[in-house]
């Protein structure tokens, strides 16, 4: 436990005292996350199976196969970074409460995608291929290598004491919030909601609504950690840091675009590679804005179906107030407009 009179969020140590609470915003994020509890058993995949059998051509089937292959291990990678790198260095018990809840949500997502694969791919050999995608499918392997590079970037840090060590930690946090949860998964959501806009795979879209809400909360938490650290230690983030973030996001866009080239290789009406690149750049600009940086790509959102989610769970994808699927909540819960 720290004995310093001025304890900072990234100070080494393991604070245990919740009172007086230094960061009540993290505790409120934890409470809101608990209220948003859902279960995989609530998702009905019955209509999805019929869609896959009778309404999909080869191009759409390839899209779905690549998408679920990415889902098979994506959240497990996020969980590993959370446990190995984040929990030990964010030194506030209320923040660690949120991280504990996030770890539960990542496990829930893994269960959701496991159920998804078992339903969509009844052949055990096909399922095994999907779970091996990080080793056998180059476009997914490239995304995994990007993730592992940033996990490894702070793997050896037992304590973050120097300015440079703290900057390395923040870059890891930016990577997982902005690039992986905020770009890789947002691209996956675009494929899902594109299919729903065509009246397909409503079970997948229903579960994705809940995953989307969780991921939005994860990003909000990470960006609040970064904002708080910057407020406490203004010299942590400078123009050189910003350039590193822009470079990181640019690399992430290229990784995800490579996945799009694979995913859309059969030619899917309504989703062009040009539009997907613009959408990825748009998402990257949104993350830069959330970090307080200027936009880099100045791209627009080319997918109107991403702005017109008229179901109760997601009333507007990027600017919305949602109250569905909450336990014991009175009134609306607001998310930042950039989500």
Protein backbone atom coordinates (compact mmCIF):
# COMPACT_ATOMS: atom_id res chain seq x y z
CA UNK A 1 0.00 0.00 0.00
CA UNK A 2 1.31 3.42 -0.95
CA UNK A 3 2.46 5.70 1.83
CA UNK A 4 2.83 8.75 -0.39
CA UNK A 5 0.71 11.79 0.42
CA UNK A 6 0.01 12.24 -3.28
CA UNK A 7 -0.99 8.88 -4.68
CA UNK A 8 -1.34 8.67 -8.43
CA UNK A 9 -3.33 6.22 -10.52
CA UNK A 10 -0.20 4.68 -12.05
CA UNK A 11 1.90 4.66 -8.88
CA UNK A 12 3.44 1.23 -8.19
CA UNK A 13 1.75 -0.67 -5.41
CA UNK A 14 -1.55 -2.29 -4.62
CA UNK A 15 -3.97 0.08 -2.90
CA UNK A 16 -6.69 -1.74 -0.98
CA UNK A 17 -8.72 1.06 0.60
CA UNK A 18 -12.00 2.04 -1.02
CA UNK A 19 -12.67 4.85 1.45
CA UNK A 20 -11.97 7.62 0.93
CA UNK A 21 -12.59 6.78 -2.72
CA UNK A 22 -10.16 8.58 -5.03
CA UNK A 23 -11.79 7.71 -8.35
CA UNK A 24 -15.58 7.39 -7.94
CA UNK A 25 -16.04 7.47 -11.72
CA UNK A 26 -14.53 3.98 -11.97
CA UNK A 27 -16.84 2.70 -9.26
CA UNK A 28 -19.85 4.09 -11.15
CA UNK A 29 -18.62 2.39 -14.32
CA UNK A 30 -18.45 -0.88 -12.39
CA UNK A 31 -22.00 -0.41 -11.05
CA UNK A 32 -23.35 0.41 -14.51
CA UNK A 33 -21.65 -2.65 -15.97
CA UNK A 34 -23.26 -4.89 -13.35
CA UNK A 35 -26.66 -3.42 -14.21
CA UNK A 36 -26.11 -4.34 -17.86
CA UNK A 37 -25.92 -8.07 -17.14
CA UNK A 38 -27.10 -10.45 -19.86
CA UNK A 39 -26.68 -14.14 -20.59
CA UNK A 40 -25.88 -16.18 -23.68
CA UNK A 41 -28.96 -18.30 -23.08
CA UNK A 42 -31.11 -15.30 -24.03
CA UNK A 43 -29.84 -15.41 -27.63
CA UNK A 44 -31.98 -17.41 -30.07
CA UNK A 45 -30.03 -18.77 -33.04
CA UNK A 46 -32.91 -20.81 -34.52
CA UNK A 47 -33.58 -18.46 -37.45
CA UNK A 48 -29.84 -18.06 -38.10
CA UNK A 49 -29.46 -21.75 -38.92
CA UNK A 50 -32.21 -21.50 -41.51
CA UNK A 51 -30.57 -18.38 -43.01
CA UNK A 52 -27.22 -20.13 -43.31
CA UNK A 53 -28.75 -23.16 -44.99
CA UNK A 54 -31.14 -21.49 -47.41
CA UNK A 55 -30.36 -17.77 -47.85
CA UNK A 56 -26.57 -17.55 -48.15
CA UNK A 57 -24.48 -17.72 -51.28
CA UNK A 58 -20.77 -18.63 -51.32
CA UNK A 59 -19.61 -15.01 -50.80
CA UNK A 60 -21.81 -14.42 -47.77
CA UNK A 61 -20.93 -17.82 -46.36
CA UNK A 62 -17.22 -17.02 -46.64
CA UNK A 63 -17.81 -13.69 -44.89
CA UNK A 64 -19.52 -15.43 -41.96
CA UNK A 65 -16.87 -18.13 -41.73
CA UNK A 66 -14.08 -15.56 -41.55
CA UNK A 67 -16.01 -13.44 -39.08
CA UNK A 68 -16.65 -16.25 -36.62
CA UNK A 69 -13.06 -17.47 -37.00
CA UNK A 70 -11.93 -14.07 -35.75
CA UNK A 71 -14.50 -14.14 -32.96
CA UNK A 72 -13.20 -17.56 -31.86
CA UNK A 73 -10.13 -16.09 -30.14
CA UNK A 74 -10.46 -12.29 -30.25
CA UNK A 75 -11.86 -11.78 -26.77
CA UNK A 76 -9.47 -14.33 -25.27
CA UNK A 77 -6.58 -12.14 -26.47
CA UNK A 78 -8.16 -9.11 -24.81
CA UNK A 79 -8.61 -11.10 -21.58
CA UNK A 80 -4.96 -12.14 -21.58
CA UNK A 81 -3.79 -8.53 -21.82
CA UNK A 82 -6.19 -7.48 -19.09
CA UNK A 83 -4.89 -10.11 -16.67
CA UNK A 84 -1.21 -10.00 -17.61
CA UNK A 85 -0.73 -6.26 -18.07
CA UNK A 86 -3.58 -4.01 -16.94
CA UNK A 87 -4.74 -5.29 -13.57
CA UNK A 88 -1.36 -5.09 -11.86
CA UNK A 89 -0.57 -1.51 -12.90
CA UNK A 90 -3.81 0.48 -12.45
CA UNK A 91 -3.48 1.21 -8.77
CA UNK A 92 -6.97 1.96 -7.48
CA UNK A 93 -9.26 -0.69 -5.98
CA UNK A 94 -12.36 0.84 -7.57
CA UNK A 95 -10.67 0.63 -10.99
CA UNK A 96 -9.70 -2.99 -10.34
CA UNK A 97 -13.36 -3.69 -9.50
CA UNK A 98 -14.23 -2.56 -13.01
CA UNK A 99 -11.42 -4.63 -14.52
CA UNK A 100 -12.75 -7.68 -12.66
CA UNK A 101 -16.16 -7.05 -14.16
CA UNK A 102 -14.61 -6.57 -17.60
CA UNK A 103 -12.85 -9.92 -17.28
CA UNK A 104 -16.24 -11.53 -16.56
CA UNK A 105 -17.70 -9.83 -19.64
CA UNK A 106 -14.83 -11.03 -21.82
CA UNK A 107 -15.51 -14.58 -20.59
CA UNK A 108 -19.19 -14.09 -21.42
CA UNK A 109 -18.24 -12.99 -24.94
CA UNK A 110 -16.05 -16.08 -25.30
CA UNK A 111 -19.05 -18.21 -24.26
CA UNK A 112 -21.27 -16.36 -26.76
CA UNK A 113 -18.84 -16.99 -29.61
CA UNK A 114 -18.32 -20.61 -28.55
CA UNK A 115 -22.09 -21.12 -28.72
CA UNK A 116 -22.12 -19.28 -32.04
CA UNK A 117 -19.47 -21.57 -33.53
CA UNK A 118 -21.13 -24.71 -32.18
CA UNK A 119 -24.39 -23.58 -33.82
CA UNK A 120 -23.05 -22.33 -37.14
CA UNK A 121 -20.42 -25.05 -37.62
CA UNK A 122 -21.85 -28.40 -36.49
CA UNK A 123 -18.94 -30.26 -38.11
CA UNK A 124 -16.20 -30.70 -35.45
CA UNK A 125 -13.47 -30.47 -38.09
CA UNK A 126 -14.79 -27.10 -39.31
CA UNK A 127 -14.96 -25.83 -35.72
CA UNK A 128 -11.37 -26.93 -35.11
CA UNK A 129 -10.27 -24.99 -38.21
CA UNK A 130 -12.03 -21.87 -36.92
CA UNK A 131 -10.36 -22.07 -33.53
CA UNK A 132 -6.97 -22.53 -35.22
CA UNK A 133 -7.44 -19.40 -37.36
CA UNK A 134 -4.70 -17.39 -35.64
CA UNK A 135 -2.24 -19.97 -36.95
CA UNK A 136 -3.80 -20.97 -40.27
CA UNK A 137 -5.59 -17.92 -41.78
CA UNK A 138 -3.06 -15.20 -42.71
CA UNK A 139 -5.47 -12.25 -42.42
CA UNK A 140 -6.43 -13.27 -38.87
CA UNK A 141 -2.86 -14.23 -38.00
CA UNK A 142 -1.73 -10.71 -38.91
CA UNK A 143 -4.29 -9.18 -36.53
CA UNK A 144 -3.25 -11.58 -33.77
CA UNK A 145 0.42 -10.71 -34.27
CA UNK A 146 -0.45 -7.02 -33.93
CA UNK A 147 -2.18 -7.78 -30.62
CA UNK A 148 0.64 -9.97 -29.32
CA UNK A 149 3.23 -7.33 -30.20
CA UNK A 150 1.53 -4.86 -27.87
CA UNK A 151 0.94 -7.43 -25.16
CA UNK A 152 4.66 -8.20 -25.24
CA UNK A 153 5.57 -4.49 -25.23
CA UNK A 154 5.05 -4.28 -21.45
CA UNK A 155 5.15 -7.96 -20.51
CA UNK A 156 8.49 -7.55 -18.73
CA UNK A 157 7.37 -4.54 -16.67
CA UNK A 158 6.85 -5.58 -13.07
CA UNK A 159 6.55 -1.97 -11.92
CA UNK A 160 5.95 1.20 -13.91
CA UNK A 161 8.01 3.88 -12.22
CA UNK A 162 9.66 6.01 -14.90
CA UNK A 163 7.96 8.35 -17.35
CA UNK A 164 8.97 6.11 -20.24
CA UNK A 165 7.54 3.01 -18.56
CA UNK A 166 4.26 4.80 -17.91
CA UNK A 167 4.07 5.92 -21.52
CA UNK A 168 4.64 2.32 -22.65
CA UNK A 169 1.81 1.23 -20.39
CA UNK A 170 -0.54 3.90 -21.76
CA UNK A 171 0.32 2.90 -25.33
CA UNK A 172 -0.68 -0.69 -24.52
CA UNK A 173 -3.96 0.60 -23.09
CA UNK A 174 -4.54 2.77 -26.17
CA UNK A 175 -3.87 -0.23 -28.40
CA UNK A 176 -6.42 -2.48 -26.75
CA UNK A 177 -9.09 0.21 -26.34
CA UNK A 178 -8.72 2.07 -29.63
CA UNK A 179 -7.30 -0.51 -32.03
CA UNK A 180 -8.61 -3.87 -30.89
CA UNK A 181 -11.90 -3.15 -29.14
CA UNK A 182 -12.49 0.14 -30.95
CA UNK A 183 -11.44 -0.87 -34.48
CA UNK A 184 -11.11 -4.63 -34.96
CA UNK A 185 -14.36 -5.34 -33.14
CA UNK A 186 -16.17 -2.34 -34.60
CA UNK A 187 -15.33 -3.67 -38.06
CA UNK A 188 -16.80 -7.02 -37.01
CA UNK A 189 -19.93 -5.24 -35.81
CA UNK A 190 -20.25 -3.60 -39.25
CA UNK A 191 -20.36 -7.01 -40.96
CA UNK A 192 -22.97 -8.23 -38.47
CA UNK A 193 -25.21 -5.18 -38.87
CA UNK A 194 -24.80 -5.27 -42.65
CA UNK A 195 -26.21 -8.79 -42.61
CA UNK A 196 -29.03 -7.72 -40.34
CA UNK A 197 -29.85 -4.84 -42.70
CA UNK A 198 -30.53 -7.57 -45.28
CA UNK A 199 -32.76 -9.44 -42.84
CA UNK A 200 -30.17 -12.10 -42.02
CA UNK A 201 -28.75 -13.63 -38.82
CA UNK A 202 -30.94 -11.81 -36.30
CA UNK A 203 -29.72 -14.05 -33.48
CA UNK A 204 -26.12 -13.02 -34.09
CA UNK A 205 -27.18 -9.36 -34.30
CA UNK A 206 -29.17 -9.60 -31.06
CA UNK A 207 -26.19 -10.99 -29.14
CA UNK A 208 -23.90 -8.48 -30.82
CA UNK A 209 -26.04 -5.63 -29.47
CA UNK A 210 -25.12 -6.73 -25.97
CA UNK A 211 -21.47 -7.35 -26.82
CA UNK A 212 -21.37 -3.89 -28.38
CA UNK A 213 -22.63 -2.30 -25.17
CA UNK A 214 -19.98 -4.13 -23.16
CA UNK A 215 -17.20 -3.13 -25.56
CA UNK A 216 -18.34 0.50 -25.45
CA UNK A 217 -18.03 0.40 -21.67
CA UNK A 218 -14.56 -1.14 -21.90
CA UNK A 219 -13.43 1.67 -24.17
CA UNK A 220 -14.99 4.31 -21.94
CA UNK A 221 -13.10 2.91 -18.95
CA UNK A 222 -9.76 2.75 -20.76
CA UNK A 223 -10.09 6.28 -22.11
CA UNK A 224 -10.99 7.52 -18.63
CA UNK A 225 -7.87 5.85 -17.21
CA UNK A 226 -5.80 7.62 -19.88
CA UNK A 227 -7.53 10.97 -19.23
CA UNK A 228 -6.98 10.65 -15.48
CA UNK A 229 -3.30 9.70 -15.88
CA UNK A 230 -2.78 12.68 -18.21
CA UNK A 231 -4.47 14.99 -15.73
CA UNK A 232 -2.27 13.74 -12.89
CA UNK A 233 0.93 13.67 -14.94
CA UNK A 234 0.61 16.06 -17.91
CA UNK A 235 4.06 15.29 -19.27
CA UNK A 236 3.12 11.68 -20.06
CA UNK A 237 1.39 12.63 -23.30
CA UNK A 238 3.07 14.94 -25.79
CA UNK A 239 3.27 15.29 -29.55
CA UNK A 240 5.65 12.34 -29.84
CA UNK A 241 3.11 10.18 -27.97
CA UNK A 242 0.36 11.41 -30.31
CA UNK A 243 2.43 10.45 -33.34
CA UNK A 244 2.96 6.99 -31.88
CA UNK A 245 -0.80 6.61 -31.45
CA UNK A 246 -1.46 7.76 -35.02
CA UNK A 247 1.12 5.29 -36.30
CA UNK A 248 -0.42 2.51 -34.20
CA UNK A 249 -3.93 3.23 -35.49
CA UNK A 250 -2.70 3.45 -39.07
CA UNK A 251 -1.13 0.01 -38.72
CA UNK A 252 -4.34 -1.32 -37.17
CA UNK A 253 -6.37 0.06 -40.09
CA UNK A 254 -4.07 -1.76 -42.53
CA UNK A 255 -4.33 -5.01 -40.54
CA UNK A 256 -8.11 -4.81 -40.52
CA UNK A 257 -8.23 -3.83 -44.20
CA UNK A 258 -6.23 -6.98 -45.00
CA UNK A 259 -8.91 -8.94 -43.15
CA UNK A 260 -11.58 -7.14 -45.22
CA UNK A 261 -9.80 -8.11 -48.45
CA UNK A 262 -10.07 -11.73 -47.33
CA UNK A 263 -13.57 -11.50 -45.90
CA UNK A 264 -15.05 -9.74 -48.93
CA UNK A 265 -13.00 -11.65 -51.51
CA UNK A 266 -16.10 -13.33 -52.93
CA UNK A 267 -17.73 -10.00 -53.72
CA UNK A 268 -20.51 -9.07 -51.29
CA UNK A 269 -23.13 -6.67 -52.63
CA UNK A 270 -23.43 -3.59 -50.43
CA UNK A 271 -19.97 -3.80 -48.86
CA UNK A 272 -17.08 -2.61 -51.03
CA UNK A 273 -13.44 -2.59 -50.01
CA UNK A 274 -13.35 1.15 -50.64
CA UNK A 275 -16.21 1.72 -48.21
CA UNK A 276 -14.66 -0.59 -45.62
CA UNK A 277 -11.37 1.32 -45.73
CA UNK A 278 -13.25 4.57 -45.26
CA UNK A 279 -15.23 3.11 -42.37
CA UNK A 280 -12.05 1.88 -40.67
CA UNK A 281 -10.47 5.31 -41.05
CA UNK A 282 -13.64 6.88 -39.68
CA UNK A 283 -13.48 4.64 -36.61
CA UNK A 284 -9.78 5.48 -36.15
CA UNK A 285 -10.61 9.20 -36.24
CA UNK A 286 -13.30 8.64 -33.62
CA UNK A 287 -10.74 7.03 -31.31
CA UNK A 288 -8.27 9.87 -31.85
CA UNK A 289 -10.99 12.37 -30.97
CA UNK A 290 -11.80 10.42 -27.80
CA UNK A 291 -8.15 10.72 -26.84
CA UNK A 292 -8.27 14.47 -27.37
CA UNK A 293 -6.19 14.36 -30.56
CA UNK A 294 -6.96 15.83 -33.98
CA UNK A 295 -8.47 13.53 -36.56
CA UNK A 296 -5.96 12.07 -39.00
CA UNK A 297 -7.98 10.62 -41.87
CA UNK A 298 -10.98 12.98 -42.02
CA UNK A 299 -13.12 10.13 -43.34
CA UNK A 300 -16.90 9.78 -43.15
CA UNK A 301 -19.04 6.81 -42.19
CA UNK A 302 -20.01 5.18 -45.51
CA UNK A 303 -22.45 2.67 -44.01
CA UNK A 304 -25.90 4.17 -43.37
CA UNK A 305 -27.01 0.94 -41.71
CA UNK A 306 -24.52 1.68 -38.93
CA UNK A 307 -26.30 4.96 -38.14
CA UNK A 308 -29.83 3.61 -38.41
CA UNK A 309 -30.02 0.86 -35.82
CA UNK A 310 -33.68 1.33 -35.01
CA UNK A 311 -34.01 -1.49 -32.51
CA UNK A 312 -34.38 -0.67 -28.84
CA UNK A 313 -30.96 -2.03 -27.85
CA UNK A 314 -29.01 0.33 -30.14
CA UNK A 315 -31.11 3.35 -31.04
CA UNK A 316 -28.21 5.04 -32.81
CA UNK A 317 -24.82 3.44 -33.24
CA UNK A 318 -22.60 6.48 -32.77
CA UNK A 319 -24.89 8.92 -30.88
CA UNK A 320 -27.46 7.34 -28.62
CA UNK A 321 -29.04 6.87 -25.22
CA UNK A 322 -30.02 3.30 -24.42
CA UNK A 323 -31.86 1.81 -21.46
CA UNK A 324 -32.53 -1.74 -22.66
CA UNK A 325 -31.02 -4.85 -21.08
CA UNK A 326 -30.26 -3.32 -17.72
CA UNK A 327 -30.90 -4.75 -14.30
CA UNK A 328 -32.30 -2.35 -11.72
CA UNK A 329 -31.69 0.86 -13.65
CA UNK A 330 -33.97 3.85 -13.39
CA UNK A 331 -33.89 6.20 -16.39
CA UNK A 332 -31.40 6.18 -19.23
CA UNK A 333 -27.73 5.33 -19.22
CA UNK A 334 -25.66 7.64 -21.42
CA UNK A 335 -22.61 6.75 -23.44
CA UNK A 336 -20.23 9.26 -24.94
CA UNK A 337 -21.45 10.46 -28.34
CA UNK A 338 -18.25 9.30 -30.01
CA UNK A 339 -19.26 5.69 -29.47
